[in-house]
PDB file of N, CA and C in Angstrom:
ATOM      1  N   UNK A   1     124.795 130.566  53.570  1.00  0.00           N
ATOM      2  CA  UNK A   1     124.542 129.262  53.243  1.00  0.00           C
ATOM      3  C   UNK A   1     124.507 129.195  51.723  1.00  0.00           C
ATOM      4  N   UNK A   2     123.427 130.306  51.241  1.00  0.00           N
ATOM      5  CA  UNK A   2     122.840 129.852  49.736  1.00  0.00           C
ATOM      6  C   UNK A   2     124.175 129.918  48.793  1.00  0.00           C
ATOM      7  N   UNK A   3     125.080 131.036  49.225  1.00  0.00           N
ATOM      8  CA  UNK A   3     126.097 130.964  48.132  1.00  0.00           C
ATOM      9  C   UNK A   3     126.837 129.843  47.995  1.00  0.00           C
ATOM     10  N   UNK A   4     127.247 129.311  49.262  1.00  0.00           N
ATOM     11  CA  UNK A   4     127.913 128.218  49.364  1.00  0.00           C
ATOM     12  C   UNK A   4     127.349 126.882  48.469  1.00  0.00           C
ATOM     13  N   UNK A   5     126.070 126.563  48.720  1.00  0.00           N
ATOM     14  CA  UNK A   5     125.335 125.824  48.065  1.00  0.00           C
ATOM     15  C   UNK A   5     125.226 126.138  46.509  1.00  0.00           C
ATOM     16  N   UNK A   6     125.211 127.176  46.228  1.00  0.00           N
ATOM     17  CA  UNK A   6     125.511 127.642  44.701  1.00  0.00           C
ATOM     18  C   UNK A   6     126.815 127.235  44.073  1.00  0.00           C
ATOM     19  N   UNK A   7     127.699 127.453  44.675  1.00  0.00           N
ATOM     20  CA  UNK A   7     128.982 127.247  44.282  1.00  0.00           C
ATOM     21  C   UNK A   7     129.072 125.787  44.371  1.00  0.00           C
ATOM     22  N   UNK A   8     128.861 124.942  45.263  1.00  0.00           N
ATOM     23  CA  UNK A   8     129.134 123.373  45.157  1.00  0.00           C
ATOM     24  C   UNK A   8     127.907 122.787  44.222  1.00  0.00           C
ATOM     25  N   UNK A   9     126.811 123.442  43.766  1.00  0.00           N
ATOM     26  CA  UNK A   9     126.321 122.843  42.562  1.00  0.00           C
ATOM     27  C   UNK A   9     126.874 123.248  41.250  1.00  0.00           C
ATOM     28  N   UNK A  10     127.381 124.496  41.242  1.00  0.00           N
ATOM     29  CA  UNK A  10     127.927 124.808  39.960  1.00  0.00           C
ATOM     30  C   UNK A  10     129.393 123.772  39.794  1.00  0.00           C
ATOM     31  N   UNK A  11     130.140 123.513  40.810  1.00  0.00           N
ATOM     32  CA  UNK A  11     131.168 122.898  40.610  1.00  0.00           C
ATOM     33  C   UNK A  11     131.227 121.093  40.441  1.00  0.00           C
ATOM     34  N   UNK A  12     129.787 121.096  40.796  1.00  0.00           N
ATOM     35  CA  UNK A  12     129.239 119.446  40.817  1.00  0.00           C
ATOM     36  C   UNK A  12     128.924 119.102  39.263  1.00  0.00           C
ATOM     37  N   UNK A  13     129.408 119.677  38.148  1.00  0.00           N
ATOM     38  CA  UNK A  13     129.063 119.191  36.971  1.00  0.00           C
ATOM     39  C   UNK A  13     130.482 118.912  36.166  1.00  0.00           C
ATOM     40  N   UNK A  14     130.358 117.428  35.654  1.00  0.00           N
ATOM     41  CA  UNK A  14     131.614 117.321  35.027  1.00  0.00           C
ATOM     42  C   UNK A  14     132.403 118.281  33.940  1.00  0.00           C
ATOM     43  N   UNK A  15     131.514 119.038  32.982  1.00  0.00           N
ATOM     44  CA  UNK A  15     131.975 119.926  32.239  1.00  0.00           C
ATOM     45  C   UNK A  15     132.634 121.174  32.802  1.00  0.00           C
ATOM     46  N   UNK A  16     131.722 121.579  33.917  1.00  0.00           N
ATOM     47  CA  UNK A  16     132.443 122.867  34.835  1.00  0.00           C
ATOM     48  C   UNK A  16     133.604 122.598  35.548  1.00  0.00           C
ATOM     49  N   UNK A  17     133.819 121.141  35.986  1.00  0.00           N
ATOM     50  CA  UNK A  17     134.958 120.660  36.659  1.00  0.00           C
ATOM     51  C   UNK A  17     135.975 120.735  35.819  1.00  0.00           C
ATOM     52  N   UNK A  18     136.073 120.371  34.421  1.00  0.00           N
ATOM     53  CA  UNK A  18     137.009 120.617  33.381  1.00  0.00           C
ATOM     54  C   UNK A  18     137.252 121.855  33.299  1.00  0.00           C
ATOM     55  N   UNK A  19     136.299 122.653  32.991  1.00  0.00           N
ATOM     56  CA  UNK A  19     136.671 124.170  32.811  1.00  0.00           C
ATOM     57  C   UNK A  19     137.408 124.673  34.149  1.00  0.00           C
ATOM     58  N   UNK A  20     137.129 124.255  35.093  1.00  0.00           N
ATOM     59  CA  UNK A  20     137.938 124.869  36.433  1.00  0.00           C
ATOM     60  C   UNK A  20     139.185 124.396  36.102  1.00  0.00           C
ATOM     61  N   UNK A  21     139.634 123.139  35.558  1.00  0.00           N
ATOM     62  CA  UNK A  21     141.026 122.359  35.739  1.00  0.00           C
ATOM     63  C   UNK A  21     141.849 123.125  34.780  1.00  0.00           C
ATOM     64  N   UNK A  22     141.001 123.246  33.421  1.00  0.00           N
ATOM     65  CA  UNK A  22     141.653 124.008  32.301  1.00  0.00           C
ATOM     66  C   UNK A  22     141.940 125.543  32.727  1.00  0.00           C
ATOM     67  N   UNK A  23     141.350 126.378  33.606  1.00  0.00           N
ATOM     68  CA  UNK A  23     141.511 127.566  33.974  1.00  0.00           C
ATOM     69  C   UNK A  23     142.490 127.589  35.100  1.00  0.00           C
ATOM     70  N   UNK A  24     142.862 126.407  35.619  1.00  0.00           N
ATOM     71  CA  UNK A  24     143.791 126.174  36.409  1.00  0.00           C
ATOM     72  C   UNK A  24     145.133 125.947  35.934  1.00  0.00           C
ATOM     73  N   UNK A  25     144.992 125.505  34.813  1.00  0.00           N
ATOM     74  CA  UNK A  25     146.327 124.804  34.342  1.00  0.00           C
ATOM     75  C   UNK A  25     146.697 126.385  33.416  1.00  0.00           C
ATOM     76  N   UNK A  26     145.802 126.937  32.797  1.00  0.00           N
ATOM     77  CA  UNK A  26     145.940 127.977  31.684  1.00  0.00           C
ATOM     78  C   UNK A  26     145.881 129.313  32.197  1.00  0.00           C
ATOM     79  N   UNK A  27     145.681 129.409  33.281  1.00  0.00           N
ATOM     80  CA  UNK A  27     145.118 130.719  34.106  1.00  0.00           C
ATOM     81  C   UNK A  27     143.878 131.613  33.624  1.00  0.00           C
ATOM     82  N   UNK A  28     144.089 131.891  32.366  1.00  0.00           N
ATOM     83  CA  UNK A  28     142.743 132.867  31.839  1.00  0.00           C
ATOM     84  C   UNK A  28     142.854 132.250  30.230  1.00  0.00           C
ATOM     85  N   UNK A  29     141.296 132.242  29.977  1.00  0.00           N
ATOM     86  CA  UNK A  29     141.092 131.642  28.604  1.00  0.00           C
ATOM     87  C   UNK A  29     139.734 132.225  27.848  1.00  0.00           C
ATOM     88  N   UNK A  30     139.543 132.461  26.728  1.00  0.00           N
ATOM     89  CA  UNK A  30     138.192 132.801  26.397  1.00  0.00           C
ATOM     90  C   UNK A  30     137.414 131.586  25.934  1.00  0.00           C
ATOM     91  N   UNK A  31     136.455 132.027  25.420  1.00  0.00           N
ATOM     92  CA  UNK A  31     135.505 130.827  25.024  1.00  0.00           C
ATOM     93  C   UNK A  31     135.833 129.998  24.081  1.00  0.00           C
ATOM     94  N   UNK A  32     136.533 130.810  23.015  1.00  0.00           N
ATOM     95  CA  UNK A  32     136.950 129.881  21.706  1.00  0.00           C
ATOM     96  C   UNK A  32     138.197 128.803  22.270  1.00  0.00           C
ATOM     97  N   UNK A  33     139.037 129.130  23.003  1.00  0.00           N
ATOM     98  CA  UNK A  33     140.041 128.557  23.708  1.00  0.00           C
ATOM     99  C   UNK A  33     139.233 127.200  24.328  1.00  0.00           C
ATOM    100  N   UNK A  34     138.284 127.638  25.180  1.00  0.00           N
ATOM    101  CA  UNK A  34     137.683 126.677  25.982  1.00  0.00           C
ATOM    102  C   UNK A  34     136.979 125.737  25.151  1.00  0.00           C
ATOM    103  N   UNK A  35     136.237 126.195  24.116  1.00  0.00           N
ATOM    104  CA  UNK A  35     135.518 125.406  22.982  1.00  0.00           C
ATOM    105  C   UNK A  35     136.387 124.057  22.344  1.00  0.00           C
ATOM    106  N   UNK A  36     137.475 124.889  21.832  1.00  0.00           N
ATOM    107  CA  UNK A  36     138.386 124.024  21.120  1.00  0.00           C
ATOM    108  C   UNK A  36     138.813 122.899  22.398  1.00  0.00           C
ATOM    109  N   UNK A  37     139.322 123.187  23.674  1.00  0.00           N
ATOM    110  CA  UNK A  37     139.803 122.198  24.545  1.00  0.00           C
ATOM    111  C   UNK A  37     138.802 120.864  24.934  1.00  0.00           C
ATOM    112  N   UNK A  38     137.586 121.552  25.281  1.00  0.00           N
ATOM    113  CA  UNK A  38     136.233 120.735  25.744  1.00  0.00           C
ATOM    114  C   UNK A  38     135.680 119.967  24.448  1.00  0.00           C
ATOM    115  N   UNK A  39     135.809 120.502  23.216  1.00  0.00           N
ATOM    116  CA  UNK A  39     135.006 119.883  22.314  1.00  0.00           C
ATOM    117  C   UNK A  39     133.498 119.972  22.083  1.00  0.00           C
ATOM    118  N   UNK A  40     133.137 121.126  22.626  1.00  0.00           N
ATOM    119  CA  UNK A  40     131.699 121.409  22.587  1.00  0.00           C
ATOM    120  C   UNK A  40     131.376 122.632  21.931  1.00  0.00           C
ATOM    121  N   UNK A  41     130.173 122.581  21.761  1.00  0.00           N
ATOM    122  CA  UNK A  41     129.400 124.028  20.781  1.00  0.00           C
ATOM    123  C   UNK A  41     129.514 125.145  21.800  1.00  0.00           C
ATOM    124  N   UNK A  42     129.938 126.430  21.302  1.00  0.00           N
ATOM    125  CA  UNK A  42     130.209 127.648  21.895  1.00  0.00           C
ATOM    126  C   UNK A  42     129.391 128.085  22.801  1.00  0.00           C
ATOM    127  N   UNK A  43     127.761 127.837  22.685  1.00  0.00           N
ATOM    128  CA  UNK A  43     126.761 128.214  23.525  1.00  0.00           C
ATOM    129  C   UNK A  43     126.587 127.423  24.611  1.00  0.00           C
ATOM    130  N   UNK A  44     127.149 125.932  24.716  1.00  0.00           N
ATOM    131  CA  UNK A  44     127.308 125.227  25.643  1.00  0.00           C
ATOM    132  C   UNK A  44     127.962 125.522  26.594  1.00  0.00           C
ATOM    133  N   UNK A  45     129.260 125.957  26.046  1.00  0.00           N
ATOM    134  CA  UNK A  45     130.526 126.393  26.990  1.00  0.00           C
ATOM    135  C   UNK A  45     130.007 127.632  27.837  1.00  0.00           C
ATOM    136  N   UNK A  46     129.398 128.428  26.818  1.00  0.00           N
ATOM    137  CA  UNK A  46     128.992 130.073  27.523  1.00  0.00           C
ATOM    138  C   UNK A  46     128.185 129.460  28.483  1.00  0.00           C
ATOM    139  N   UNK A  47     127.123 128.797  28.252  1.00  0.00           N
ATOM    140  CA  UNK A  47     126.126 128.462  29.502  1.00  0.00           C
ATOM    141  C   UNK A  47     126.857 128.050  30.744  1.00  0.00           C
ATOM    142  N   UNK A  48     128.035 127.421  30.670  1.00  0.00           N
ATOM    143  CA  UNK A  48     128.609 126.721  31.872  1.00  0.00           C
ATOM    144  C   UNK A  48     129.406 127.718  32.426  1.00  0.00           C
ATOM    145  N   UNK A  49     129.996 128.646  31.520  1.00  0.00           N
ATOM    146  CA  UNK A  49     130.630 129.989  32.085  1.00  0.00           C
ATOM    147  C   UNK A  49     129.775 130.773  33.038  1.00  0.00           C
ATOM    148  N   UNK A  50     128.699 130.976  32.246  1.00  0.00           N
ATOM    149  CA  UNK A  50     127.550 131.822  33.191  1.00  0.00           C
ATOM    150  C   UNK A  50     127.265 131.269  34.603  1.00  0.00           C
ATOM    151  N   UNK A  51     127.004 129.877  34.652  1.00  0.00           N
ATOM    152  CA  UNK A  51     126.538 129.136  35.888  1.00  0.00           C
ATOM    153  C   UNK A  51     127.919 129.396  36.886  1.00  0.00           C
ATOM    154  N   UNK A  52     129.083 129.486  36.371  1.00  0.00           N
ATOM    155  CA  UNK A  52     130.316 129.358  37.208  1.00  0.00           C
ATOM    156  C   UNK A  52     130.379 130.916  37.656  1.00  0.00           C
ATOM    157  N   UNK A  53     130.239 131.944  36.786  1.00  0.00           N
ATOM    158  CA  UNK A  53     130.330 133.139  37.234  1.00  0.00           C
ATOM    159  C   UNK A  53     129.123 133.522  38.270  1.00  0.00           C
ATOM    160  N   UNK A  54     127.921 133.000  38.029  1.00  0.00           N
ATOM    161  CA  UNK A  54     126.881 133.495  38.938  1.00  0.00           C
ATOM    162  C   UNK A  54     127.344 132.901  40.449  1.00  0.00           C
ATOM    163  N   UNK A  55     127.762 131.788  40.224  1.00  0.00           N
ATOM    164  CA  UNK A  55     128.176 131.013  41.403  1.00  0.00           C
ATOM    165  C   UNK A  55     129.325 131.643  42.123  1.00  0.00           C
ATOM    166  N   UNK A  56     130.215 132.805  41.744  1.00  0.00           N
ATOM    167  CA  UNK A  56     131.157 133.410  42.167  1.00  0.00           C
ATOM    168  C   UNK A  56     132.507 132.916  42.118  1.00  0.00           C
ATOM    169  N   UNK A  57     132.542 131.847  41.117  1.00  0.00           N
ATOM    170  CA  UNK A  57     133.863 131.224  41.229  1.00  0.00           C
ATOM    171  C   UNK A  57     134.724 131.922  40.058  1.00  0.00           C
ATOM    172  N   UNK A  58     134.434 132.439  39.160  1.00  0.00           N
ATOM    173  CA  UNK A  58     134.978 132.861  38.092  1.00  0.00           C
ATOM    174  C   UNK A  58     134.926 134.570  37.686  1.00  0.00           C
ATOM    175  N   UNK A  59     135.943 134.927  36.997  1.00  0.00           N
ATOM    176  CA  UNK A  59     135.913 136.509  36.958  1.00  0.00           C
ATOM    177  C   UNK A  59     136.196 136.744  35.427  1.00  0.00           C
ATOM    178  N   UNK A  60     135.927 137.878  34.860  1.00  0.00           N
ATOM    179  CA  UNK A  60     136.099 138.202  33.409  1.00  0.00           C
ATOM    180  C   UNK A  60     136.763 139.463  33.412  1.00  0.00           C
ATOM    181  N   UNK A  61     137.549 139.144  32.287  1.00  0.00           N
ATOM    182  CA  UNK A  61     138.490 140.529  31.884  1.00  0.00           C
ATOM    183  C   UNK A  61     138.072 140.758  30.316  1.00  0.00           C
ATOM    184  N   UNK A  62     137.720 142.069  30.035  1.00  0.00           N
ATOM    185  CA  UNK A  62     137.468 142.295  28.375  1.00  0.00           C
ATOM    186  C   UNK A  62     138.889 142.914  27.857  1.00  0.00           C
ATOM    187  N   UNK A  63     139.062 142.452  26.605  1.00  0.00           N
ATOM    188  CA  UNK A  63     139.892 142.979  25.823  1.00  0.00           C
ATOM    189  C   UNK A  63     139.544 143.036  24.597  1.00  0.00           C
ATOM    190  N   UNK A  64     139.306 144.485  24.141  1.00  0.00           N
ATOM    191  CA  UNK A  64     138.626 144.336  22.762  1.00  0.00           C
ATOM    192  C   UNK A  64     137.302 143.728  22.952  1.00  0.00           C
ATOM    193  N   UNK A  65     136.895 142.960  21.815  1.00  0.00           N
ATOM    194  CA  UNK A  65     135.769 142.399  21.748  1.00  0.00           C
ATOM    195  C   UNK A  65     135.891 140.839  22.309  1.00  0.00           C
ATOM    196  N   UNK A  66     137.017 140.632  22.964  1.00  0.00           N
ATOM    197  CA  UNK A  66     137.283 139.143  23.489  1.00  0.00           C
ATOM    198  C   UNK A  66     136.896 139.203  25.292  1.00  0.00           C
ATOM    199  N   UNK A  67     136.564 138.487  25.638  1.00  0.00           N
ATOM    200  CA  UNK A  67     136.261 138.106  27.359  1.00  0.00           C
ATOM    201  C   UNK A  67     137.122 137.161  27.852  1.00  0.00           C
ATOM    202  N   UNK A  68     137.803 137.375  28.353  1.00  0.00           N
ATOM    203  CA  UNK A  68     138.473 136.265  29.363  1.00  0.00           C
ATOM    204  C   UNK A  68     138.179 135.872  30.710  1.00  0.00           C
ATOM    205  N   UNK A  69     138.335 134.630  30.919  1.00  0.00           N
ATOM    206  CA  UNK A  69     137.820 133.955  32.079  1.00  0.00           C
ATOM    207  C   UNK A  69     138.920 133.638  32.720  1.00  0.00           C
ATOM    208  N   UNK A  70     138.882 133.719  34.064  1.00  0.00           N
ATOM    209  CA  UNK A  70     139.927 133.309  34.892  1.00  0.00           C
ATOM    210  C   UNK A  70     139.229 132.908  36.612  1.00  0.00           C
ATOM    211  N   UNK A  71     140.023 132.069  37.090  1.00  0.00           N
ATOM    212  CA  UNK A  71     139.311 131.911  38.566  1.00  0.00           C
ATOM    213  C   UNK A  71     139.743 133.025  39.346  1.00  0.00           C
ATOM    214  N   UNK A  72     138.334 133.240  40.365  1.00  0.00           N
ATOM    215  CA  UNK A  72     138.542 134.326  41.343  1.00  0.00           C
ATOM    216  C   UNK A  72     139.603 134.536  42.151  1.00  0.00           C
ATOM    217  N   UNK A  73     139.631 132.980  42.908  1.00  0.00           N
ATOM    218  CA  UNK A  73     140.794 133.105  44.045  1.00  0.00           C
ATOM    219  C   UNK A  73     140.976 131.427  43.885  1.00  0.00           C
ATOM    220  N   UNK A  74     142.464 131.240  43.748  1.00  0.00           N
ATOM    221  CA  UNK A  74     143.006 130.204  43.735  1.00  0.00           C
ATOM    222  C   UNK A  74     142.821 129.450  44.992  1.00  0.00           C
ATOM    223  N   UNK A  75     142.454 129.645  45.986  1.00  0.00           N
ATOM    224  CA  UNK A  75     141.989 129.251  47.211  1.00  0.00           C
ATOM    225  C   UNK A  75     140.878 128.303  47.079  1.00  0.00           C
ATOM    226  N   UNK A  76     140.166 128.576  45.947  1.00  0.00           N
ATOM    227  CA  UNK A  76     139.038 127.398  45.953  1.00  0.00           C
ATOM    228  C   UNK A  76     139.792 126.356  45.475  1.00  0.00           C
ATOM    229  N   UNK A  77     140.918 126.191  45.093  1.00  0.00           N
ATOM    230  CA  UNK A  77     141.572 124.591  44.658  1.00  0.00           C
ATOM    231  C   UNK A  77     142.079 124.209  46.168  1.00  0.00           C
ATOM    232  N   UNK A  78     142.597 124.691  46.682  1.00  0.00           N
ATOM    233  CA  UNK A  78     142.861 124.288  48.485  1.00  0.00           C
ATOM    234  C   UNK A  78     141.622 123.768  48.973  1.00  0.00           C
ATOM    235  N   UNK A  79     140.331 124.345  48.685  1.00  0.00           N
ATOM    236  CA  UNK A  79     139.256 123.701  49.599  1.00  0.00           C
ATOM    237  C   UNK A  79     138.757 122.679  48.609  1.00  0.00           C
ATOM    238  N   UNK A  80     139.082 122.514  47.398  1.00  0.00           N
ATOM    239  CA  UNK A  80     138.622 121.383  46.642  1.00  0.00           C
ATOM    240  C   UNK A  80     139.475 120.069  46.829  1.00  0.00           C
ATOM    241  N   UNK A  81     140.810 120.397  46.786  1.00  0.00           N
ATOM    242  CA  UNK A  81     141.782 119.618  47.077  1.00  0.00           C
ATOM    243  C   UNK A  81     141.483 118.812  48.520  1.00  0.00           C
ATOM    244  N   UNK A  82     141.200 119.656  49.352  1.00  0.00           N
ATOM    245  CA  UNK A  82     140.842 119.066  50.853  1.00  0.00           C
ATOM    246  C   UNK A  82     139.762 118.201  50.863  1.00  0.00           C
ATOM    247  N   UNK A  83     138.830 118.490  50.489  1.00  0.00           N
ATOM    248  CA  UNK A  83     137.604 117.967  50.265  1.00  0.00           C
ATOM    249  C   UNK A  83     137.717 116.521  49.432  1.00  0.00           C
ATOM    250  N   UNK A  84     138.355 116.745  48.499  1.00  0.00           N
ATOM    251  CA  UNK A  84     138.516 115.321  47.534  1.00  0.00           C
ATOM    252  C   UNK A  84     139.355 114.695  48.339  1.00  0.00           C
ATOM    253  N   UNK A  85     140.532 115.071  48.855  1.00  0.00           N
ATOM    254  CA  UNK A  85     141.483 113.992  49.459  1.00  0.00           C
ATOM    255  C   UNK A  85     140.442 113.212  50.879  1.00  0.00           C
ATOM    256  N   UNK A  86     139.848 114.087  51.527  1.00  0.00           N
ATOM    257  CA  UNK A  86     138.784 113.706  52.590  1.00  0.00           C
ATOM    258  C   UNK A  86     138.032 112.473  52.286  1.00  0.00           C
ATOM    259  N   UNK A  87     137.223 112.614  51.088  1.00  0.00           N
ATOM    260  CA  UNK A  87     136.251 111.834  50.401  1.00  0.00           C
ATOM    261  C   UNK A  87     136.835 110.634  49.269  1.00  0.00           C
ATOM    262  N   UNK A  88     137.718 110.980  48.653  1.00  0.00           N
ATOM    263  CA  UNK A  88     138.130 110.048  47.408  1.00  0.00           C
ATOM    264  C   UNK A  88     139.597 109.892  47.760  1.00  0.00           C
ATOM    265  N   UNK A  89     140.299 110.698  48.764  1.00  0.00           N
ATOM    266  CA  UNK A  89     141.894 110.312  48.517  1.00  0.00           C
ATOM    267  C   UNK A  89     142.486 110.746  47.418  1.00  0.00           C
ATOM    268  N   UNK A  90     142.206 111.474  46.734  1.00  0.00           N
ATOM    269  CA  UNK A  90     142.779 112.100  45.433  1.00  0.00           C
ATOM    270  C   UNK A  90     142.489 113.665  45.392  1.00  0.00           C
ATOM    271  N   UNK A  91     143.557 114.009  45.327  1.00  0.00           N
ATOM    272  CA  UNK A  91     143.726 115.785  45.106  1.00  0.00           C
ATOM    273  C   UNK A  91     143.118 116.093  43.683  1.00  0.00           C
ATOM    274  N   UNK A  92     142.824 117.442  43.612  1.00  0.00           N
ATOM    275  CA  UNK A  92     142.069 118.033  42.293  1.00  0.00           C
ATOM    276  C   UNK A  92     143.251 118.461  41.606  1.00  0.00           C
ATOM    277  N   UNK A  93     143.910 117.549  40.844  1.00  0.00           N
ATOM    278  CA  UNK A  93     145.071 118.106  39.836  1.00  0.00           C
ATOM    279  C   UNK A  93     144.746 118.042  38.391  1.00  0.00           C
ATOM    280  N   UNK A  94     145.181 118.537  37.698  1.00  0.00           N
ATOM    281  CA  UNK A  94     145.045 118.436  36.302  1.00  0.00           C
ATOM    282  C   UNK A  94     145.272 117.015  35.769  1.00  0.00           C
ATOM    283  N   UNK A  95     144.512 116.957  34.737  1.00  0.00           N
ATOM    284  CA  UNK A  95     144.716 115.470  33.742  1.00  0.00           C
ATOM    285  C   UNK A  95     146.119 115.733  33.472  1.00  0.00           C
ATOM    286  N   UNK A  96     146.816 114.465  33.199  1.00  0.00           N
ATOM    287  CA  UNK A  96     147.927 114.357  32.619  1.00  0.00           C
ATOM    288  C   UNK A  96     147.910 113.715  31.365  1.00  0.00           C
TER     289      UNK A  96
END
């Protein structure tokens, strides 16, 4: 149950929610890409990514000096979609 609590806590932040939406749309991004889209400082984005990594919802891939982040499993979106539909009546879709 602790892992589930940690995951929900990690996803319960607006910035981390936006990171998840961006990764859903772009599949894989590095810190620079996320910083550009979020208009936040690199250390702030890195801190949010660490929380998502520790919660087990992201994975990393190294390519040279770059680190790319992606969602561990797209099934997480199925779960989030169902929860949001249940409580708010809206699916977890990217912003248009």
